């Protein structure tokens, strides 16, 4: 990606931003529109990954624990129940191993937390710039633009690192499975 690609959407367009006054809200709005949806995505997806992981784990434990109890009975129904429970444990274990819900939950939570921390740092930086009222507004705008570009670049790096972390796990899992089948 070219370094200047997408830079126009990082430029404030309000009258205050293009005039002589410095308005930190312009830069906050840009950051909120760029990073807010990413944080929201992680917020919603980490919850579903967490629920899937914990649900599959709980069902696996319950079904696996019920097998020895049900197998105490020698009825045909008990044999069918044991087979169903064993199949359920196998399916849930396979799904969890394939979809890595636990790792997704961890990666999404780490990415969201990192993004939120960078957002707080950005807001503090913007506040510090705004409180330097004796400075030339053009210098304030320049500093605010640099901070805005920096946080957006950092957000993309965090997102890329989360994605790379997921795929590193998938590659390791595939390599482990391949070594077991050889």
C-alpha atoms as a PDB file:
ATOM      1  CA  UNK A   1       0.000   0.000   0.000  1.00  0.00           C
ATOM      2  CA  UNK A   2       1.366   3.387  -0.943  1.00  0.00           C
ATOM      3  CA  UNK A   3       2.187   5.595   2.012  1.00  0.00           C
ATOM      4  CA  UNK A   4      -0.045   8.475   0.895  1.00  0.00           C
ATOM      5  CA  UNK A   5      -2.938   6.245  -0.159  1.00  0.00           C
ATOM      6  CA  UNK A   6      -6.107   7.147   1.726  1.00  0.00           C
ATOM      7  CA  UNK A   7      -4.595  10.308   3.196  1.00  0.00           C
ATOM      8  CA  UNK A   8      -7.445  12.530   1.938  1.00  0.00           C
ATOM      9  CA  UNK A   9      -9.904  10.848   4.309  1.00  0.00           C
ATOM     10  CA  UNK A  10      -7.540  11.725   7.183  1.00  0.00           C
ATOM     11  CA  UNK A  11      -7.711  15.434   6.374  1.00  0.00           C
ATOM     12  CA  UNK A  12     -10.273  17.452   8.375  1.00  0.00           C
ATOM     13  CA  UNK A  13     -12.867  19.111   6.161  1.00  0.00           C
ATOM     14  CA  UNK A  14     -14.891  21.286   8.533  1.00  0.00           C
ATOM     15  CA  UNK A  15     -14.765  25.063   8.353  1.00  0.00           C
ATOM     16  CA  UNK A  16     -12.845  25.237  11.628  1.00  0.00           C
ATOM     17  CA  UNK A  17     -10.217  22.790  10.402  1.00  0.00           C
ATOM     18  CA  UNK A  18      -9.658  24.618   7.139  1.00  0.00           C
ATOM     19  CA  UNK A  19      -9.772  28.083   8.733  1.00  0.00           C
ATOM     20  CA  UNK A  20      -7.346  29.600  11.168  1.00  0.00           C
ATOM     21  CA  UNK A  21      -8.800  27.953  14.290  1.00  0.00           C
ATOM     22  CA  UNK A  22      -7.712  24.580  15.548  1.00  0.00           C
ATOM     23  CA  UNK A  23     -10.586  22.272  16.495  1.00  0.00           C
ATOM     24  CA  UNK A  24      -9.512  18.927  18.028  1.00  0.00           C
ATOM     25  CA  UNK A  25     -13.029  17.547  17.488  1.00  0.00           C
ATOM     26  CA  UNK A  26     -12.309  17.378  13.749  1.00  0.00           C
ATOM     27  CA  UNK A  27      -9.420  14.984  14.321  1.00  0.00           C
ATOM     28  CA  UNK A  28     -11.323  13.013  16.951  1.00  0.00           C
ATOM     29  CA  UNK A  29     -14.173  12.548  14.476  1.00  0.00           C
ATOM     30  CA  UNK A  30     -11.789  11.162  11.861  1.00  0.00           C
ATOM     31  CA  UNK A  31     -10.263   8.719  14.338  1.00  0.00           C
ATOM     32  CA  UNK A  32     -13.666   7.674  15.662  1.00  0.00           C
ATOM     33  CA  UNK A  33     -14.913   6.972  12.137  1.00  0.00           C
ATOM     34  CA  UNK A  34     -11.802   4.932  11.278  1.00  0.00           C
ATOM     35  CA  UNK A  35     -11.154   3.071  14.534  1.00  0.00           C
ATOM     36  CA  UNK A  36     -14.598   2.967  16.153  1.00  0.00           C
ATOM     37  CA  UNK A  37     -15.950   0.339  13.736  1.00  0.00           C
ATOM     38  CA  UNK A  38     -12.839  -1.811  14.207  1.00  0.00           C
ATOM     39  CA  UNK A  39     -13.212  -1.740  17.995  1.00  0.00           C
ATOM     40  CA  UNK A  40     -16.936  -2.522  17.639  1.00  0.00           C
ATOM     41  CA  UNK A  41     -16.126  -5.486  15.371  1.00  0.00           C
ATOM     42  CA  UNK A  42     -13.701  -6.910  17.923  1.00  0.00           C
ATOM     43  CA  UNK A  43     -16.191  -6.283  20.736  1.00  0.00           C
ATOM     44  CA  UNK A  44     -18.948  -8.250  19.016  1.00  0.00           C
ATOM     45  CA  UNK A  45     -16.759 -11.031  17.627  1.00  0.00           C
ATOM     46  CA  UNK A  46     -14.787 -11.697  20.798  1.00  0.00           C
ATOM     47  CA  UNK A  47     -18.080 -12.324  22.589  1.00  0.00           C
ATOM     48  CA  UNK A  48     -19.272 -14.866  20.044  1.00  0.00           C
ATOM     49  CA  UNK A  49     -15.888 -16.631  20.036  1.00  0.00           C
ATOM     50  CA  UNK A  50     -15.971 -16.713  23.838  1.00  0.00           C
ATOM     51  CA  UNK A  51     -19.497 -18.133  23.935  1.00  0.00           C
ATOM     52  CA  UNK A  52     -18.653 -20.786  21.332  1.00  0.00           C
ATOM     53  CA  UNK A  53     -15.479 -21.813  23.125  1.00  0.00           C
ATOM     54  CA  UNK A  54     -17.031 -21.941  26.598  1.00  0.00           C
ATOM     55  CA  UNK A  55     -20.220 -23.584  25.309  1.00  0.00           C
ATOM     56  CA  UNK A  56     -18.354 -26.273  23.368  1.00  0.00           C
ATOM     57  CA  UNK A  57     -16.018 -26.873  26.303  1.00  0.00           C
ATOM     58  CA  UNK A  58     -18.879 -27.165  28.797  1.00  0.00           C
ATOM     59  CA  UNK A  59     -20.857 -29.519  26.551  1.00  0.00           C
ATOM     60  CA  UNK A  60     -17.754 -31.642  25.955  1.00  0.00           C
ATOM     61  CA  UNK A  61     -17.130 -31.962  29.689  1.00  0.00           C
ATOM     62  CA  UNK A  62     -20.764 -32.737  30.495  1.00  0.00           C
ATOM     63  CA  UNK A  63     -21.189 -35.240  27.647  1.00  0.00           C
ATOM     64  CA  UNK A  64     -17.813 -36.871  28.340  1.00  0.00           C
ATOM     65  CA  UNK A  65     -18.591 -37.134  32.052  1.00  0.00           C
ATOM     66  CA  UNK A  66     -21.990 -38.702  31.371  1.00  0.00           C
ATOM     67  CA  UNK A  67     -20.536 -41.540  29.270  1.00  0.00           C
ATOM     68  CA  UNK A  68     -19.206 -43.634  32.200  1.00  0.00           C
ATOM     69  CA  UNK A  69     -22.413 -43.099  34.165  1.00  0.00           C
ATOM     70  CA  UNK A  70     -24.707 -44.089  31.299  1.00  0.00           C
ATOM     71  CA  UNK A  71     -22.475 -47.034  30.375  1.00  0.00           C
ATOM     72  CA  UNK A  72     -23.205 -48.602  33.786  1.00  0.00           C
ATOM     73  CA  UNK A  73     -26.548 -49.625  32.345  1.00  0.00           C
ATOM     74  CA  UNK A  74     -26.530 -52.494  29.865  1.00  0.00           C
ATOM     75  CA  UNK A  75     -29.733 -51.587  28.053  1.00  0.00           C
ATOM     76  CA  UNK A  76     -29.938 -50.909  24.336  1.00  0.00           C
ATOM     77  CA  UNK A  77     -30.988 -47.322  25.073  1.00  0.00           C
ATOM     78  CA  UNK A  78     -27.861 -46.835  27.218  1.00  0.00           C
ATOM     79  CA  UNK A  79     -25.641 -48.071  24.368  1.00  0.00           C
ATOM     80  CA  UNK A  80     -27.300 -45.618  21.977  1.00  0.00           C
ATOM     81  CA  UNK A  81     -26.918 -42.765  24.492  1.00  0.00           C
ATOM     82  CA  UNK A  82     -23.228 -43.622  25.005  1.00  0.00           C
ATOM     83  CA  UNK A  83     -22.708 -43.624  21.233  1.00  0.00           C
ATOM     84  CA  UNK A  84     -24.494 -40.264  20.869  1.00  0.00           C
ATOM     85  CA  UNK A  85     -22.530 -38.725  23.744  1.00  0.00           C
ATOM     86  CA  UNK A  86     -19.236 -40.024  22.336  1.00  0.00           C
ATOM     87  CA  UNK A  87     -20.108 -38.640  18.929  1.00  0.00           C
ATOM     88  CA  UNK A  88     -21.039 -35.287  20.485  1.00  0.00           C
ATOM     89  CA  UNK A  89     -17.695 -35.118  22.328  1.00  0.00           C
ATOM     90  CA  UNK A  90     -15.849 -35.941  19.096  1.00  0.00           C
ATOM     91  CA  UNK A  91     -17.752 -33.341  17.064  1.00  0.00           C
ATOM     92  CA  UNK A  92     -17.337 -30.578  19.649  1.00  0.00           C
ATOM     93  CA  UNK A  93     -13.637 -31.344  20.099  1.00  0.00           C
ATOM     94  CA  UNK A  94     -13.147 -31.290  16.325  1.00  0.00           C
ATOM     95  CA  UNK A  95     -15.030 -28.030  15.889  1.00  0.00           C
ATOM     96  CA  UNK A  96     -13.086 -26.353  18.673  1.00  0.00           C
ATOM     97  CA  UNK A  97      -9.801 -27.605  17.214  1.00  0.00           C
ATOM     98  CA  UNK A  98     -10.776 -26.449  13.713  1.00  0.00           C
ATOM     99  CA  UNK A  99     -12.205 -23.048  14.520  1.00  0.00           C
ATOM    100  CA  UNK A 100      -9.850 -22.144  17.401  1.00  0.00           C
ATOM    101  CA  UNK A 101     -12.568 -20.287  19.286  1.00  0.00           C
ATOM    102  CA  UNK A 102     -10.342 -20.011  22.341  1.00  0.00           C
ATOM    103  CA  UNK A 103      -7.512 -18.419  20.375  1.00  0.00           C
ATOM    104  CA  UNK A 104      -9.904 -16.141  18.472  1.00  0.00           C
ATOM    105  CA  UNK A 105     -11.330 -14.942  21.765  1.00  0.00           C
ATOM    106  CA  UNK A 106      -7.820 -14.196  23.038  1.00  0.00           C
ATOM    107  CA  UNK A 107      -6.629 -12.490  19.847  1.00  0.00           C
ATOM    108  CA  UNK A 108      -9.796 -10.392  19.487  1.00  0.00           C
ATOM    109  CA  UNK A 109      -9.622  -9.324  23.138  1.00  0.00           C
ATOM    110  CA  UNK A 110      -5.934  -8.398  22.860  1.00  0.00           C
ATOM    111  CA  UNK A 111      -6.515  -6.421  19.654  1.00  0.00           C
ATOM    112  CA  UNK A 112      -9.509  -4.570  21.109  1.00  0.00           C
ATOM    113  CA  UNK A 113      -7.599  -3.743  24.288  1.00  0.00           C
ATOM    114  CA  UNK A 114      -4.589  -2.497  22.308  1.00  0.00           C
ATOM    115  CA  UNK A 115      -6.818  -0.346  20.077  1.00  0.00           C
ATOM    116  CA  UNK A 116      -8.611   1.144  23.069  1.00  0.00           C
ATOM    117  CA  UNK A 117      -5.275   1.937  24.743  1.00  0.00           C
ATOM    118  CA  UNK A 118      -4.020   3.678  21.579  1.00  0.00           C
ATOM    119  CA  UNK A 119      -7.288   5.600  21.386  1.00  0.00           C
ATOM    120  CA  UNK A 120      -6.817   6.900  24.946  1.00  0.00           C
ATOM    121  CA  UNK A 121      -3.224   7.893  24.103  1.00  0.00           C
ATOM    122  CA  UNK A 122      -4.483   9.711  20.994  1.00  0.00           C
ATOM    123  CA  UNK A 123      -7.118  11.590  22.981  1.00  0.00           C
ATOM    124  CA  UNK A 124      -4.539  12.644  25.558  1.00  0.00           C
ATOM    125  CA  UNK A 125      -2.176  13.776  22.796  1.00  0.00           C
ATOM    126  CA  UNK A 126      -4.965  15.724  21.137  1.00  0.00           C
ATOM    127  CA  UNK A 127      -5.876  17.318  24.465  1.00  0.00           C
ATOM    128  CA  UNK A 128      -2.248  18.325  25.038  1.00  0.00           C
ATOM    129  CA  UNK A 129      -2.086  19.864  21.564  1.00  0.00           C
ATOM    130  CA  UNK A 130      -5.365  21.731  22.130  1.00  0.00           C
ATOM    131  CA  UNK A 131      -4.111  23.083  25.471  1.00  0.00           C
ATOM    132  CA  UNK A 132      -1.123  24.704  23.767  1.00  0.00           C
ATOM    133  CA  UNK A 133      -3.160  27.783  22.916  1.00  0.00           C
ATOM    134  CA  UNK A 134      -0.090  29.992  22.544  1.00  0.00           C
ATOM    135  CA  UNK A 135       1.046  27.958  19.528  1.00  0.00           C
ATOM    136  CA  UNK A 136       0.262  28.769  15.957  1.00  0.00           C
ATOM    137  CA  UNK A 137      -2.953  26.961  14.904  1.00  0.00           C
ATOM    138  CA  UNK A 138      -1.172  25.684  11.796  1.00  0.00           C
ATOM    139  CA  UNK A 139       1.395  23.924  14.018  1.00  0.00           C
ATOM    140  CA  UNK A 140      -1.398  22.500  16.163  1.00  0.00           C
ATOM    141  CA  UNK A 141      -3.151  21.208  13.050  1.00  0.00           C
ATOM    142  CA  UNK A 142       0.082  19.682  11.799  1.00  0.00           C
ATOM    143  CA  UNK A 143       0.684  17.909  15.114  1.00  0.00           C
ATOM    144  CA  UNK A 144      -2.926  16.747  15.312  1.00  0.00           C
ATOM    145  CA  UNK A 145      -2.769  15.433  11.749  1.00  0.00           C
ATOM    146  CA  UNK A 146       0.450  13.563  12.527  1.00  0.00           C
ATOM    147  CA  UNK A 147      -1.140  12.038  15.646  1.00  0.00           C
ATOM    148  CA  UNK A 148      -4.230  11.095  13.627  1.00  0.00           C
ATOM    149  CA  UNK A 149      -2.195   9.441  10.893  1.00  0.00           C
ATOM    150  CA  UNK A 150      -0.101   7.649  13.500  1.00  0.00           C
ATOM    151  CA  UNK A 151      -3.045   6.127  15.371  1.00  0.00           C
ATOM    152  CA  UNK A 152      -4.718   5.007  12.153  1.00  0.00           C
ATOM    153  CA  UNK A 153      -1.492   3.350  10.990  1.00  0.00           C
ATOM    154  CA  UNK A 154      -1.097   1.730  14.427  1.00  0.00           C
ATOM    155  CA  UNK A 155      -4.689   0.461  14.283  1.00  0.00           C
ATOM    156  CA  UNK A 156      -3.994  -1.206  10.950  1.00  0.00           C
ATOM    157  CA  UNK A 157      -0.807  -2.746  12.369  1.00  0.00           C
ATOM    158  CA  UNK A 158      -2.715  -4.126  15.368  1.00  0.00           C
ATOM    159  CA  UNK A 159      -5.348  -5.593  13.068  1.00  0.00           C
ATOM    160  CA  UNK A 160      -2.701  -7.141  10.823  1.00  0.00           C
ATOM    161  CA  UNK A 161      -0.894  -8.622  13.834  1.00  0.00           C
ATOM    162  CA  UNK A 162      -4.146 -10.178  15.099  1.00  0.00           C
ATOM    163  CA  UNK A 163      -4.829 -11.702  11.684  1.00  0.00           C
ATOM    164  CA  UNK A 164      -1.259 -12.976  11.389  1.00  0.00           C
ATOM    165  CA  UNK A 165      -1.521 -14.498  14.867  1.00  0.00           C
ATOM    166  CA  UNK A 166      -4.624 -16.423  13.853  1.00  0.00           C
ATOM    167  CA  UNK A 167      -3.044 -17.746  10.678  1.00  0.00           C
ATOM    168  CA  UNK A 168       0.194 -18.705  12.458  1.00  0.00           C
ATOM    169  CA  UNK A 169      -1.944 -20.853  14.728  1.00  0.00           C
ATOM    170  CA  UNK A 170      -3.760 -22.399  11.753  1.00  0.00           C
ATOM    171  CA  UNK A 171      -0.462 -23.202  10.023  1.00  0.00           C
ATOM    172  CA  UNK A 172       0.940 -24.822  13.197  1.00  0.00           C
ATOM    173  CA  UNK A 173      -2.260 -26.834  13.589  1.00  0.00           C
ATOM    174  CA  UNK A 174      -2.092 -28.014   9.968  1.00  0.00           C
ATOM    175  CA  UNK A 175       1.571 -28.961  10.324  1.00  0.00           C
ATOM    176  CA  UNK A 176       0.819 -30.903  13.514  1.00  0.00           C
ATOM    177  CA  UNK A 177      -2.089 -32.728  11.828  1.00  0.00           C
ATOM    178  CA  UNK A 178       0.068 -33.518   8.796  1.00  0.00           C
ATOM    179  CA  UNK A 179       2.834 -34.973  10.980  1.00  0.00           C
ATOM    180  CA  UNK A 180       0.300 -37.208  12.745  1.00  0.00           C
ATOM    181  CA  UNK A 181      -1.066 -38.597   9.478  1.00  0.00           C
ATOM    182  CA  UNK A 182       2.309 -39.482   7.982  1.00  0.00           C
END
